[in-house]
Amino acid sequence: MRHLIRYILFFPLYFLSLSLFAQEAPVQDSTSSAMDKETVQLIMKMFDGQEISMIKVKADQLISSGKDSAEQALIASYIFDYYQSSKYMGYEEVALYIADNYFLNDKLAWPQEDGLLMVKMFAEFNRQSMIGMKAPELLLPDTLGREISLRQCDTRYKIVLFYDDQCNTCNYYTPFLMKFLKDYSYGTVTLYRVYTQDSRERWCTYVSKINKRFPVSENVTVYDVWDPDFSSDFQRKYGVVSTPQMLLLDRNNFILGRKLDPTAMAQLIEMDYNKPNELQLFLDQLFSSLLPYDQTQDIDTTLIVSTIDGLYEKSKSDTAAFQDIFYNSYQYLKNHEEYDMQKGAAYIGHKYISQMPQMWSNANFSEKEDAAGRAPLGIEYPSADKFIKETAMAVELFYRNQLGKPATNLYLSLPDKSSYSIYDGNGEYTVLYFYNMDCALCEAVTPDMKKIYDEFSDKGVEVMAIYTGSAKNRKEWTKYIATQGFEWTNLYDKKDTQEMFAKYNLSGVPAIYLLDKEKNTIAKDITPKMLNEILNYLLYD
């Protein structure tokens, strides 16, 4: 953690406040109140994780419980102290609320006169950068002297990072943040890196080294800027007491998160990107209502179809509404855990997407509103034409290896090159585990699959682990399975002729299928946890 020493030299008042920030709230006279600091903070701790608006109400109630203004001031100071360094992101807003509504307006007197300086400085350095606020503008020069405006960066998200090349924590954060941006896939993002020191030579060297070492996704734009004379006042605007300081903004420059580390940054982006909108919440309620209360009963697929057709009747006269409803319905049902609901997605894909290209010709799959002011459907597809074609293919693949129907055979080979097909297995149940040794997700899933093999292999369950890579990598693969100690049936496509990706919809691995003794598909595209539950049900219940 590196403090901004140069800035402090110009602002002695702020320098003095650094020590006061670490100062605890004043020690209470035991004769003045029955409520000590520990008690107050224990009460406030009960509300950890709650909405900030609710916490403010509880804080007001607790403060008003003081028998006089002196006791109320003590309680308020304890609450301020608890929240000004809260572990919960955004809870500093409660401390700012206490400062503004009790001390800075002279409603109450801070118990120790010199301690009020801490309160003033906290408010001054946090007032403009609370979560939910519009981020202050920064207009700073890059390494070529061009002024880059933070607010004019037109991407879905903006990461603002204040750093120092000689800050150990900054140098620790950087690899994690840049690795996240290398594989970034949540729309477009701008990384607005603000160098907080005044050595241009060190800065340019650092920027060159970082950009060369850590290439980023094509969805990422990086701006390296600095403010050697602090003319932008970024310290006060963004509460940059020390480095690193990292914030997340949305497209409209509203602050989504502050004081983030790289892990929290990645989690916040993923959570915000995947949060449902009002239409998605409506569709969830609509389709969830079609599920039977009794989980042992079958889902009424005719009801799903009639519901989908009803949505069409209500939206067919409005192309934009039709696109929004059927794009989101398709995505929702396609990712549903119930197979019969997935059939609804296939129905939409065939009838309302593949067979109605005219309704999708002007669909917006960009990051921005189109010329007509319509919001984008998403960025998963580069164009409407690509969306229609990929949906048609997905529907075709969905109907392959349907549940209750015979699985498509694959004629593969064992590590010794001898032939072995899926139908050669004679277990009561067969697990097909498609994986690639270079797949990070497969690496995470494989230990769970090994546990399943160890538990069920002597109970009539055969696990066929099918390598999806090229036969050209056979030597590396055989070395890999030997190193991993895989005792299950190891298979690969010796001649790369089986087209397993098309036959089993392997758009991504790992992929897991469960077959019965006659090789009918019982379950497909399931997780190891789901596989474990199904096998326990089949074998023990």
Protein backbone atom coordinates (compact mmCIF):
# COMPACT_ATOMS: atom_id res chain seq x y z
CA MET A 1 0.00 0.00 0.00
CA ARG A 2 1.67 3.22 -1.16
CA HIS A 3 0.58 6.68 0.02
CA LEU A 4 0.60 9.69 -2.31
CA ILE A 5 3.49 11.50 -0.63
CA ARG A 6 3.82 14.29 -3.21
CA TYR A 7 0.18 15.23 -2.81
CA ILE A 8 0.51 15.28 0.96
CA LEU A 9 3.36 17.81 0.77
CA PHE A 10 1.01 20.27 -0.90
CA PHE A 11 -1.81 19.63 1.59
CA PRO A 12 -0.49 19.61 5.19
CA LEU A 13 -4.02 19.40 6.54
CA TYR A 14 -4.53 16.15 4.71
CA PHE A 15 -1.15 14.88 5.91
CA LEU A 16 -2.24 15.47 9.49
CA SER A 17 -5.45 13.58 8.85
CA LEU A 18 -3.62 10.39 7.84
CA SER A 19 -2.81 9.61 11.42
CA LEU A 20 -6.30 10.59 12.50
CA PHE A 21 -7.87 8.11 10.07
CA ALA A 22 -6.27 5.34 12.11
CA GLN A 23 -7.45 6.89 15.36
CA GLU A 24 -10.32 5.10 17.05
CA ALA A 25 -13.43 6.94 18.15
CA PRO A 26 -12.96 8.71 21.47
CA VAL A 27 -12.71 6.77 24.70
CA GLN A 28 -15.93 6.93 26.61
CA ASP A 29 -16.28 8.14 30.17
CA SER A 30 -17.78 5.15 31.93
CA THR A 31 -20.03 7.41 33.98
CA SER A 32 -21.60 9.16 30.99
CA SER A 33 -23.37 6.31 29.24
CA ALA A 34 -24.37 2.72 29.62
CA MET A 35 -23.69 2.05 25.95
CA ASP A 36 -20.01 1.57 25.13
CA LYS A 37 -18.29 1.28 21.77
CA GLU A 38 -18.28 -2.51 21.76
CA THR A 39 -22.02 -2.63 22.42
CA VAL A 40 -22.85 -0.09 19.71
CA GLN A 41 -20.75 -1.84 17.08
CA LEU A 42 -22.10 -5.25 18.09
CA ILE A 43 -25.61 -3.90 17.47
CA MET A 44 -24.64 -2.49 14.07
CA LYS A 45 -22.93 -5.75 13.15
CA MET A 46 -26.36 -7.38 13.28
CA PHE A 47 -27.24 -5.44 10.14
CA ASP A 48 -24.20 -6.49 8.08
CA GLY A 49 -25.33 -7.50 4.63
CA GLN A 50 -28.51 -5.40 4.77
CA GLU A 51 -29.54 -2.52 2.51
CA ILE A 52 -27.75 0.74 3.25
CA SER A 53 -31.05 2.64 3.48
CA MET A 54 -32.20 0.28 6.23
CA ILE A 55 -28.89 0.59 8.10
CA LYS A 56 -29.22 4.38 8.11
CA VAL A 57 -32.65 4.08 9.73
CA LYS A 58 -31.27 1.71 12.39
CA ALA A 59 -28.34 4.06 13.00
CA ASP A 60 -30.73 6.99 13.50
CA GLN A 61 -32.79 4.96 15.95
CA LEU A 62 -29.74 3.90 17.94
CA ILE A 63 -28.35 7.44 18.09
CA SER A 64 -31.69 8.86 19.22
CA SER A 65 -31.73 6.36 22.09
CA GLY A 66 -28.96 8.35 23.82
CA LYS A 67 -30.20 10.12 26.94
CA ASP A 68 -28.61 13.44 25.97
CA SER A 69 -26.63 15.05 23.15
CA ALA A 70 -23.30 13.95 24.63
CA GLU A 71 -24.30 10.29 24.69
CA GLN A 72 -25.86 10.59 21.23
CA ALA A 73 -22.57 12.03 19.95
CA LEU A 74 -20.65 9.10 21.41
CA ILE A 75 -23.00 6.58 19.80
CA ALA A 76 -22.80 8.39 16.48
CA SER A 77 -19.00 8.46 16.65
CA TYR A 78 -18.89 4.72 17.28
CA ILE A 79 -21.18 4.07 14.32
CA PHE A 80 -19.04 6.34 12.12
CA ASP A 81 -15.90 4.50 13.19
CA TYR A 82 -17.52 1.13 12.39
CA TYR A 83 -18.54 2.06 8.86
CA GLN A 84 -15.73 4.34 7.68
CA SER A 85 -13.57 1.22 7.26
CA SER A 86 -16.28 -1.40 6.69
CA LYS A 87 -15.41 -4.68 5.01
CA TYR A 88 -18.67 -4.41 3.07
CA MET A 89 -18.31 -2.56 -0.22
CA GLY A 90 -20.32 0.64 -0.24
CA TYR A 91 -20.98 0.76 3.50
CA GLU A 92 -18.74 3.84 3.76
CA GLU A 93 -21.90 5.65 2.69
CA VAL A 94 -23.26 5.10 6.19
CA ALA A 95 -20.21 6.82 7.69
CA LEU A 96 -20.68 9.72 5.26
CA TYR A 97 -24.34 9.89 6.25
CA ILE A 98 -23.40 10.10 9.94
CA ALA A 99 -20.80 12.76 9.22
CA ASP A 100 -23.19 14.94 7.22
CA ASN A 101 -26.29 14.52 9.35
CA TYR A 102 -24.81 14.70 12.83
CA PHE A 103 -21.37 16.31 12.94
CA LEU A 104 -20.64 18.47 9.89
CA ASN A 105 -24.00 20.23 10.29
CA ASP A 106 -23.25 20.85 14.01
CA LYS A 107 -26.25 18.87 15.16
CA LEU A 108 -23.93 17.03 17.52
CA ALA A 109 -20.43 17.88 18.71
CA TRP A 110 -17.74 15.30 17.99
CA PRO A 111 -16.66 14.06 21.43
CA GLN A 112 -13.07 15.20 20.91
CA GLU A 113 -12.60 18.49 19.12
CA ASP A 114 -9.47 17.52 17.18
CA GLY A 115 -11.16 14.31 16.03
CA LEU A 116 -13.61 16.31 13.93
CA LEU A 117 -10.78 16.84 11.43
CA MET A 118 -10.86 13.12 10.65
CA VAL A 119 -14.57 13.30 9.95
CA LYS A 120 -14.20 16.32 7.68
CA MET A 121 -11.38 14.74 5.70
CA PHE A 122 -13.20 11.44 5.36
CA ALA A 123 -16.24 13.23 3.96
CA GLU A 124 -14.14 15.38 1.64
CA PHE A 125 -12.31 12.40 0.16
CA ASN A 126 -15.37 10.18 -0.25
CA ARG A 127 -18.26 12.50 -1.02
CA GLN A 128 -17.91 12.36 -4.82
CA SER A 129 -17.28 8.65 -5.36
CA MET A 130 -19.92 6.67 -3.50
CA ILE A 131 -21.56 3.67 -5.18
CA GLY A 132 -24.52 4.76 -7.30
CA MET A 133 -23.11 8.23 -7.94
CA LYS A 134 -22.08 9.48 -11.35
CA ALA A 135 -18.29 9.31 -11.44
CA PRO A 136 -16.49 12.67 -11.60
CA GLU A 137 -14.95 13.50 -14.95
CA LEU A 138 -11.25 12.89 -15.52
CA LEU A 139 -9.57 14.42 -18.56
CA LEU A 140 -5.95 13.30 -18.46
CA PRO A 141 -3.08 13.03 -20.99
CA ASP A 142 -1.78 9.68 -22.20
CA THR A 143 1.82 8.84 -23.02
CA LEU A 144 1.53 10.75 -26.34
CA GLY A 145 0.03 13.82 -24.71
CA ARG A 146 -3.49 13.22 -26.01
CA GLU A 147 -6.22 14.10 -23.51
CA ILE A 148 -8.45 11.12 -22.75
CA SER A 149 -11.86 11.72 -21.22
CA LEU A 150 -13.09 9.04 -18.84
CA ARG A 151 -16.74 9.90 -19.46
CA GLN A 152 -16.37 9.63 -23.23
CA CYS A 153 -15.08 6.05 -23.13
CA ASP A 154 -18.06 4.33 -24.76
CA THR A 155 -17.95 0.78 -23.41
CA ARG A 156 -20.30 -1.29 -21.28
CA TYR A 157 -17.96 -1.11 -18.29
CA LYS A 158 -15.06 1.08 -17.23
CA ILE A 159 -12.37 0.03 -14.78
CA VAL A 160 -10.58 2.98 -13.20
CA LEU A 161 -7.26 1.99 -11.62
CA PHE A 162 -5.06 4.42 -9.69
CA TYR A 163 -1.60 2.93 -9.26
CA ASP A 164 2.09 3.53 -8.62
CA ASP A 165 4.79 1.51 -10.35
CA GLN A 166 6.72 1.23 -7.06
CA CYS A 167 3.71 0.10 -5.01
CA ASN A 168 4.07 -3.57 -4.05
CA THR A 169 0.32 -4.12 -3.77
CA CYS A 170 -0.21 -2.53 -7.19
CA ASN A 171 2.35 -4.87 -8.71
CA TYR A 172 0.66 -7.80 -6.99
CA TYR A 173 -2.79 -6.84 -8.33
CA THR A 174 -1.70 -6.23 -11.91
CA PRO A 175 -1.15 -9.84 -13.11
CA PHE A 176 -4.54 -10.93 -11.73
CA LEU A 177 -6.39 -8.02 -13.28
CA MET A 178 -4.68 -8.36 -16.66
CA LYS A 179 -5.25 -12.13 -16.74
CA PHE A 180 -8.97 -11.45 -16.24
CA LEU A 181 -8.90 -8.94 -19.11
CA LYS A 182 -7.03 -11.36 -21.36
CA ASP A 183 -10.01 -13.74 -21.42
CA TYR A 184 -12.65 -11.04 -20.89
CA SER A 185 -16.06 -11.88 -22.38
CA TYR A 186 -18.64 -9.62 -20.69
CA GLY A 187 -19.15 -7.07 -23.42
CA THR A 188 -16.76 -4.19 -23.95
CA VAL A 189 -14.69 -2.62 -21.20
CA THR A 190 -12.24 0.27 -20.85
CA LEU A 191 -9.30 0.04 -18.48
CA TYR A 192 -8.48 3.64 -17.51
CA ARG A 193 -5.11 3.34 -15.73
CA VAL A 194 -4.07 6.47 -13.84
CA TYR A 195 -0.40 6.74 -12.86
CA THR A 196 -0.17 8.69 -9.59
CA GLN A 197 3.51 9.69 -9.60
CA ASP A 198 5.51 12.30 -11.58
CA SER A 199 8.33 10.33 -13.24
CA ARG A 200 7.47 10.19 -16.93
CA GLU A 201 10.43 7.93 -17.71
CA ARG A 202 9.43 5.37 -15.08
CA TRP A 203 5.82 5.57 -16.16
CA CYS A 204 6.49 5.01 -19.88
CA THR A 205 8.83 2.12 -19.12
CA TYR A 206 6.24 0.53 -16.87
CA VAL A 207 3.41 0.96 -19.39
CA SER A 208 5.48 -0.55 -22.18
CA LYS A 209 6.44 -3.55 -20.06
CA ILE A 210 2.89 -4.21 -18.80
CA ASN A 211 1.24 -3.91 -22.21
CA LYS A 212 3.80 -6.21 -23.79
CA ARG A 213 3.57 -8.81 -21.04
CA PHE A 214 -0.22 -8.82 -20.70
CA PRO A 215 -2.16 -8.69 -23.99
CA VAL A 216 -5.89 -8.18 -23.56
CA SER A 217 -9.08 -9.39 -25.23
CA GLU A 218 -10.31 -7.56 -28.32
CA ASN A 219 -13.23 -6.37 -26.19
CA VAL A 220 -10.86 -4.40 -23.94
CA THR A 221 -9.59 -0.86 -24.55
CA VAL A 222 -6.69 0.34 -22.41
CA TYR A 223 -5.85 4.00 -21.76
CA ASP A 224 -2.73 4.87 -19.78
CA VAL A 225 -2.93 8.39 -18.38
CA TRP A 226 -1.30 10.45 -15.65
CA ASP A 227 -1.61 13.68 -13.68
CA PRO A 228 1.90 14.73 -12.57
CA ASP A 229 0.81 18.02 -10.98
CA PHE A 230 -2.51 16.78 -9.54
CA SER A 231 -4.44 19.41 -11.49
CA SER A 232 -7.44 17.09 -11.89
CA ASP A 233 -7.78 16.69 -8.11
CA PHE A 234 -8.42 12.96 -8.63
CA GLN A 235 -7.42 12.27 -5.02
CA ARG A 236 -10.40 14.13 -3.59
CA LYS A 237 -12.76 13.15 -6.40
CA TYR A 238 -12.10 9.41 -6.04
CA GLY A 239 -10.90 9.11 -2.45
CA VAL A 240 -7.40 8.03 -3.49
CA VAL A 241 -5.66 8.10 -0.12
CA SER A 242 -3.25 5.39 -1.20
CA THR A 243 -2.69 3.03 -4.10
CA PRO A 244 -3.98 0.81 -5.53
CA GLN A 245 -7.52 2.17 -5.77
CA MET A 246 -9.86 0.51 -8.25
CA LEU A 247 -13.44 1.36 -9.21
CA LEU A 248 -15.97 -0.06 -11.66
CA LEU A 249 -18.29 2.20 -13.68
CA ASP A 250 -21.12 1.35 -16.04
CA ARG A 251 -21.61 2.76 -19.55
CA ASN A 252 -23.29 5.88 -18.15
CA ASN A 253 -20.45 6.50 -15.70
CA PHE A 254 -22.33 5.48 -12.58
CA ILE A 255 -20.15 3.83 -9.94
CA LEU A 256 -20.93 0.12 -9.49
CA GLY A 257 -18.10 -0.67 -7.11
CA ARG A 258 -15.17 0.97 -5.33
CA LYS A 259 -12.08 -0.13 -3.41
CA LEU A 260 -12.11 -3.38 -5.38
CA ASP A 261 -9.41 -6.01 -5.68
CA PRO A 262 -9.12 -7.97 -8.96
CA THR A 263 -11.18 -10.90 -7.70
CA ALA A 264 -13.97 -8.67 -6.47
CA MET A 265 -13.82 -6.73 -9.74
CA ALA A 266 -14.28 -9.90 -11.81
CA GLN A 267 -17.13 -11.12 -9.59
CA LEU A 268 -18.92 -7.77 -9.70
CA ILE A 269 -18.73 -7.58 -13.51
CA GLU A 270 -20.00 -11.13 -13.89
CA MET A 271 -22.84 -10.52 -11.43
CA ASP A 272 -23.88 -7.25 -13.07
CA TYR A 273 -23.61 -8.69 -16.58
CA ASN A 274 -25.82 -11.66 -15.72
CA LYS A 275 -28.40 -9.89 -13.57
CA PRO A 276 -31.91 -10.28 -15.00
CA ASN A 277 -33.85 -7.34 -16.35
CA GLU A 278 -37.60 -6.82 -15.89
CA LEU A 279 -38.51 -8.87 -18.95
CA GLN A 280 -36.30 -11.75 -17.83
CA LEU A 281 -37.89 -11.70 -14.39
CA PHE A 282 -41.35 -11.76 -16.01
CA LEU A 283 -40.40 -14.72 -18.21
CA ASP A 284 -39.00 -16.57 -15.21
CA GLN A 285 -42.30 -16.13 -13.38
CA LEU A 286 -44.31 -17.07 -16.47
CA PHE A 287 -42.47 -20.28 -17.31
CA SER A 288 -41.92 -21.29 -13.68
CA SER A 289 -45.69 -21.22 -13.23
CA LEU A 290 -45.93 -24.01 -15.82
CA LEU A 291 -43.96 -26.44 -13.67
CA PRO A 292 -46.09 -28.92 -11.68
CA TYR A 293 -46.14 -28.53 -7.90
CA ASP A 294 -45.60 -32.26 -7.60
CA GLN A 295 -42.12 -32.89 -9.00
CA THR A 296 -42.97 -36.53 -9.66
CA GLN A 297 -45.48 -35.45 -12.31
CA ASP A 298 -44.50 -34.86 -15.93
CA ILE A 299 -44.24 -31.34 -17.29
CA ASP A 300 -47.07 -30.49 -19.67
CA THR A 301 -45.19 -29.66 -22.89
CA THR A 302 -48.40 -28.75 -24.69
CA LEU A 303 -48.93 -26.01 -22.10
CA ILE A 304 -45.40 -24.71 -22.74
CA VAL A 305 -46.08 -24.61 -26.48
CA SER A 306 -49.44 -22.85 -26.06
CA THR A 307 -47.82 -20.28 -23.76
CA ILE A 308 -45.13 -19.58 -26.35
CA ASP A 309 -47.73 -19.24 -29.10
CA GLY A 310 -49.66 -16.84 -26.87
CA LEU A 311 -46.57 -14.65 -26.52
CA TYR A 312 -46.36 -14.51 -30.30
CA GLU A 313 -49.97 -13.39 -30.69
CA LYS A 314 -49.35 -10.55 -28.25
CA SER A 315 -46.09 -9.37 -29.80
CA LYS A 316 -46.30 -10.10 -33.53
CA SER A 317 -47.43 -6.58 -34.43
CA ASP A 318 -44.40 -4.99 -32.76
CA THR A 319 -41.12 -6.25 -34.19
CA ALA A 320 -38.97 -4.83 -31.39
CA ALA A 321 -41.18 -6.41 -28.71
CA PHE A 322 -41.22 -9.71 -30.61
CA GLN A 323 -37.42 -9.77 -30.82
CA ASP A 324 -36.98 -8.91 -27.15
CA ILE A 325 -39.51 -11.48 -25.94
CA PHE A 326 -38.44 -14.38 -28.13
CA TYR A 327 -34.70 -13.79 -27.82
CA ASN A 328 -34.96 -13.81 -24.02
CA SER A 329 -37.46 -16.68 -23.95
CA TYR A 330 -35.17 -18.76 -26.12
CA GLN A 331 -32.15 -18.04 -23.91
CA TYR A 332 -34.12 -18.72 -20.72
CA LEU A 333 -35.58 -22.04 -21.84
CA LYS A 334 -32.38 -23.21 -23.52
CA ASN A 335 -30.51 -22.90 -20.21
CA HIS A 336 -33.27 -24.38 -18.06
CA GLU A 337 -32.39 -27.48 -16.04
CA GLU A 338 -35.60 -29.28 -17.05
CA TYR A 339 -35.35 -31.11 -20.36
CA ASP A 340 -38.99 -30.47 -21.26
CA MET A 341 -38.40 -26.75 -20.83
CA GLN A 342 -35.41 -27.05 -23.17
CA LYS A 343 -37.83 -28.53 -25.68
CA GLY A 344 -39.64 -25.22 -25.49
CA ALA A 345 -36.43 -23.48 -26.54
CA ALA A 346 -36.10 -25.85 -29.50
CA TYR A 347 -39.71 -25.05 -30.44
CA ILE A 348 -38.96 -21.31 -30.35
CA GLY A 349 -35.72 -21.79 -32.23
CA HIS A 350 -37.38 -23.66 -35.06
CA LYS A 351 -40.71 -21.87 -35.40
CA TYR A 352 -40.05 -18.30 -34.30
CA ILE A 353 -36.38 -17.84 -35.19
CA SER A 354 -35.29 -20.14 -38.02
CA GLN A 355 -38.66 -20.00 -39.80
CA MET A 356 -39.16 -16.25 -39.36
CA PRO A 357 -35.94 -14.58 -40.59
CA GLN A 358 -37.93 -11.49 -41.65
CA MET A 359 -38.72 -10.76 -37.99
CA TRP A 360 -35.00 -10.69 -37.11
CA SER A 361 -33.49 -8.83 -40.08
CA ASN A 362 -32.98 -5.59 -38.12
CA ALA A 363 -32.25 -7.14 -34.71
CA ASN A 364 -29.62 -5.24 -32.72
CA PHE A 365 -26.75 -7.45 -31.55
CA SER A 366 -24.32 -4.64 -30.78
CA GLU A 367 -23.28 -2.95 -27.54
CA LYS A 368 -25.24 0.23 -28.23
CA GLU A 369 -28.71 1.44 -29.08
CA ASP A 370 -29.38 1.37 -32.81
CA ALA A 371 -30.43 4.31 -34.98
CA ALA A 372 -34.06 3.79 -33.96
CA GLY A 373 -33.13 3.96 -30.29
CA ARG A 374 -33.69 0.25 -29.63
CA ALA A 375 -31.62 -1.35 -26.93
CA PRO A 376 -29.32 -4.23 -27.93
CA LEU A 377 -30.53 -7.80 -27.47
CA GLY A 378 -27.03 -8.91 -26.59
CA ILE A 379 -23.56 -9.41 -27.99
CA GLU A 380 -23.43 -13.20 -28.14
CA TYR A 381 -23.92 -13.09 -31.91
CA PRO A 382 -22.20 -10.74 -34.39
CA SER A 383 -25.31 -10.34 -36.55
CA ALA A 384 -28.93 -11.35 -36.93
CA ASP A 385 -28.02 -13.72 -39.76
CA LYS A 386 -25.46 -15.47 -37.55
CA PHE A 387 -28.01 -15.72 -34.75
CA ILE A 388 -30.55 -17.41 -37.05
CA LYS A 389 -28.02 -19.86 -38.48
CA GLU A 390 -26.54 -20.81 -35.11
CA THR A 391 -29.99 -21.23 -33.60
CA ALA A 392 -31.02 -23.56 -36.44
CA MET A 393 -27.90 -25.63 -35.83
CA ALA A 394 -28.49 -25.68 -32.07
CA VAL A 395 -32.04 -26.97 -32.59
CA GLU A 396 -30.81 -29.71 -34.90
CA LEU A 397 -28.17 -30.75 -32.37
CA PHE A 398 -30.68 -30.68 -29.53
CA TYR A 399 -32.80 -33.31 -31.21
CA ARG A 400 -29.84 -35.63 -31.55
CA ASN A 401 -29.45 -38.12 -28.70
CA GLN A 402 -32.84 -37.24 -27.27
CA LEU A 403 -33.72 -38.49 -23.83
CA GLY A 404 -35.23 -41.95 -23.96
CA LYS A 405 -33.81 -42.58 -27.44
CA PRO A 406 -30.72 -44.62 -28.43
CA ALA A 407 -27.49 -42.65 -28.27
CA THR A 408 -25.48 -42.24 -31.45
CA ASN A 409 -22.65 -44.75 -31.57
CA LEU A 410 -19.05 -43.61 -31.87
CA TYR A 411 -16.38 -45.97 -33.16
CA LEU A 412 -13.31 -45.03 -31.16
CA SER A 413 -10.03 -46.52 -29.97
CA LEU A 414 -8.35 -47.41 -26.72
CA PRO A 415 -4.86 -46.02 -25.92
CA ASP A 416 -3.29 -49.14 -27.49
CA LYS A 417 -5.14 -48.25 -30.74
CA SER A 418 -7.51 -51.24 -30.51
CA SER A 419 -11.11 -50.54 -31.49
CA TYR A 420 -13.81 -49.83 -28.94
CA SER A 421 -17.24 -48.34 -29.52
CA ILE A 422 -19.76 -46.87 -27.12
CA TYR A 423 -21.99 -49.91 -27.63
CA ASP A 424 -19.16 -52.29 -26.69
CA GLY A 425 -19.60 -51.45 -23.02
CA ASN A 426 -21.76 -53.89 -21.04
CA GLY A 427 -22.42 -51.91 -17.87
CA GLU A 428 -25.86 -51.37 -16.41
CA TYR A 429 -25.17 -47.69 -16.99
CA THR A 430 -22.64 -45.92 -19.17
CA VAL A 431 -21.24 -42.46 -18.49
CA LEU A 432 -19.79 -40.59 -21.46
CA TYR A 433 -17.34 -37.94 -20.29
CA PHE A 434 -16.12 -35.79 -23.18
CA TYR A 435 -13.06 -33.73 -22.22
CA ASN A 436 -9.86 -32.16 -23.48
CA MET A 437 -6.61 -32.26 -21.54
CA ASP A 438 -5.98 -28.57 -22.37
CA CYS A 439 -9.41 -27.45 -21.07
CA ALA A 440 -9.25 -25.52 -17.77
CA LEU A 441 -12.87 -26.33 -16.92
CA CYS A 442 -12.26 -30.00 -17.63
CA GLU A 443 -9.33 -29.87 -15.24
CA ALA A 444 -11.67 -28.60 -12.55
CA VAL A 445 -14.38 -31.18 -13.30
CA THR A 446 -12.18 -34.27 -13.69
CA PRO A 447 -11.51 -34.81 -9.93
CA ASP A 448 -15.28 -34.97 -9.34
CA MET A 449 -15.63 -37.47 -12.18
CA LYS A 450 -12.87 -39.61 -10.67
CA LYS A 451 -14.78 -39.68 -7.36
CA ILE A 452 -17.90 -40.81 -9.20
CA TYR A 453 -15.90 -43.53 -10.94
CA ASP A 454 -14.41 -44.71 -7.64
CA GLU A 455 -17.85 -44.91 -6.02
CA PHE A 456 -19.87 -46.49 -8.81
CA SER A 457 -17.46 -48.50 -10.99
CA ASP A 458 -18.11 -51.69 -8.99
CA LYS A 459 -21.87 -51.17 -9.13
CA GLY A 460 -22.35 -51.69 -12.86
CA VAL A 461 -21.40 -48.19 -14.04
CA GLU A 462 -18.83 -47.85 -16.83
CA VAL A 463 -17.22 -44.45 -17.35
CA MET A 464 -15.97 -43.81 -20.88
CA ALA A 465 -13.68 -40.77 -20.84
CA ILE A 466 -13.50 -39.59 -24.45
CA TYR A 467 -10.66 -37.29 -25.47
CA THR A 468 -11.98 -34.69 -27.92
CA GLY A 469 -8.61 -33.46 -29.15
CA SER A 470 -6.86 -34.44 -32.36
CA ALA A 471 -5.42 -37.92 -32.84
CA LYS A 472 -2.15 -36.16 -33.70
CA ASN A 473 -1.78 -35.53 -29.97
CA ARG A 474 -2.03 -39.22 -29.07
CA LYS A 475 1.43 -39.40 -27.44
CA GLU A 476 0.74 -36.38 -25.24
CA TRP A 477 -2.70 -37.79 -24.41
CA THR A 478 -1.42 -41.26 -23.41
CA LYS A 479 1.23 -39.62 -21.25
CA TYR A 480 -1.45 -37.43 -19.69
CA ILE A 481 -3.78 -40.31 -18.78
CA ALA A 482 -0.86 -42.28 -17.34
CA THR A 483 0.17 -39.30 -15.23
CA GLN A 484 -3.40 -38.77 -14.04
CA GLY A 485 -3.87 -42.46 -13.25
CA PHE A 486 -7.18 -42.76 -15.10
CA GLU A 487 -8.51 -46.31 -14.61
CA TRP A 488 -11.76 -45.80 -16.47
CA THR A 489 -12.22 -46.61 -20.18
CA ASN A 490 -10.02 -44.09 -22.03
CA LEU A 491 -11.03 -43.47 -25.66
CA TYR A 492 -10.02 -41.24 -28.56
CA ASP A 493 -10.84 -40.85 -32.25
CA LYS A 494 -7.87 -42.57 -33.88
CA LYS A 495 -8.61 -41.30 -37.39
CA ASP A 496 -10.45 -38.07 -36.51
CA THR A 497 -13.42 -39.27 -38.57
CA GLN A 498 -16.22 -39.78 -36.04
CA GLU A 499 -17.53 -36.17 -36.03
CA MET A 500 -18.29 -36.44 -32.34
CA PHE A 501 -18.67 -32.65 -31.98
CA ALA A 502 -21.67 -32.65 -34.31
CA LYS A 503 -23.16 -35.92 -33.14
CA TYR A 504 -23.03 -35.02 -29.45
CA ASN A 505 -23.33 -31.23 -29.57
CA LEU A 506 -19.88 -30.66 -28.11
CA SER A 507 -19.86 -26.91 -28.63
CA GLY A 508 -18.03 -26.83 -25.33
CA VAL A 509 -16.38 -29.38 -23.08
CA PRO A 510 -16.62 -30.92 -20.60
CA ALA A 511 -19.87 -32.66 -21.59
CA ILE A 512 -21.45 -35.53 -19.67
CA TYR A 513 -24.05 -38.05 -20.88
CA LEU A 514 -25.64 -40.95 -19.00
CA LEU A 515 -26.91 -44.01 -20.89
CA ASP A 516 -28.81 -47.08 -19.71
CA LYS A 517 -27.95 -50.72 -20.45
CA GLU A 518 -29.52 -50.52 -23.93
CA LYS A 519 -27.58 -47.25 -24.56
CA ASN A 520 -30.67 -45.07 -24.42
CA THR A 521 -29.92 -41.54 -23.25
CA ILE A 522 -31.05 -40.99 -19.66
CA ALA A 523 -29.44 -37.57 -19.16
CA LYS A 524 -27.22 -35.24 -21.16
CA ASP A 525 -25.26 -32.03 -20.69
CA ILE A 526 -25.26 -32.51 -16.92
CA THR A 527 -22.80 -31.61 -14.18
CA PRO A 528 -20.91 -34.12 -12.03
CA LYS A 529 -23.18 -33.17 -9.11
CA MET A 530 -26.30 -33.96 -11.14
CA LEU A 531 -24.74 -37.21 -12.38
CA ASN A 532 -23.97 -38.24 -8.81
CA GLU A 533 -27.55 -37.54 -7.72
CA ILE A 534 -29.03 -39.48 -10.65
CA LEU A 535 -26.80 -42.51 -10.06
CA ASN A 536 -27.61 -42.51 -6.34
CA TYR A 537 -31.29 -42.43 -7.22
CA LEU A 538 -31.00 -45.23 -9.78
CA LEU A 539 -28.78 -47.50 -7.72
CA TYR A 540 -29.83 -46.92 -4.12
CA ASP A 541 -33.43 -45.67 -4.03
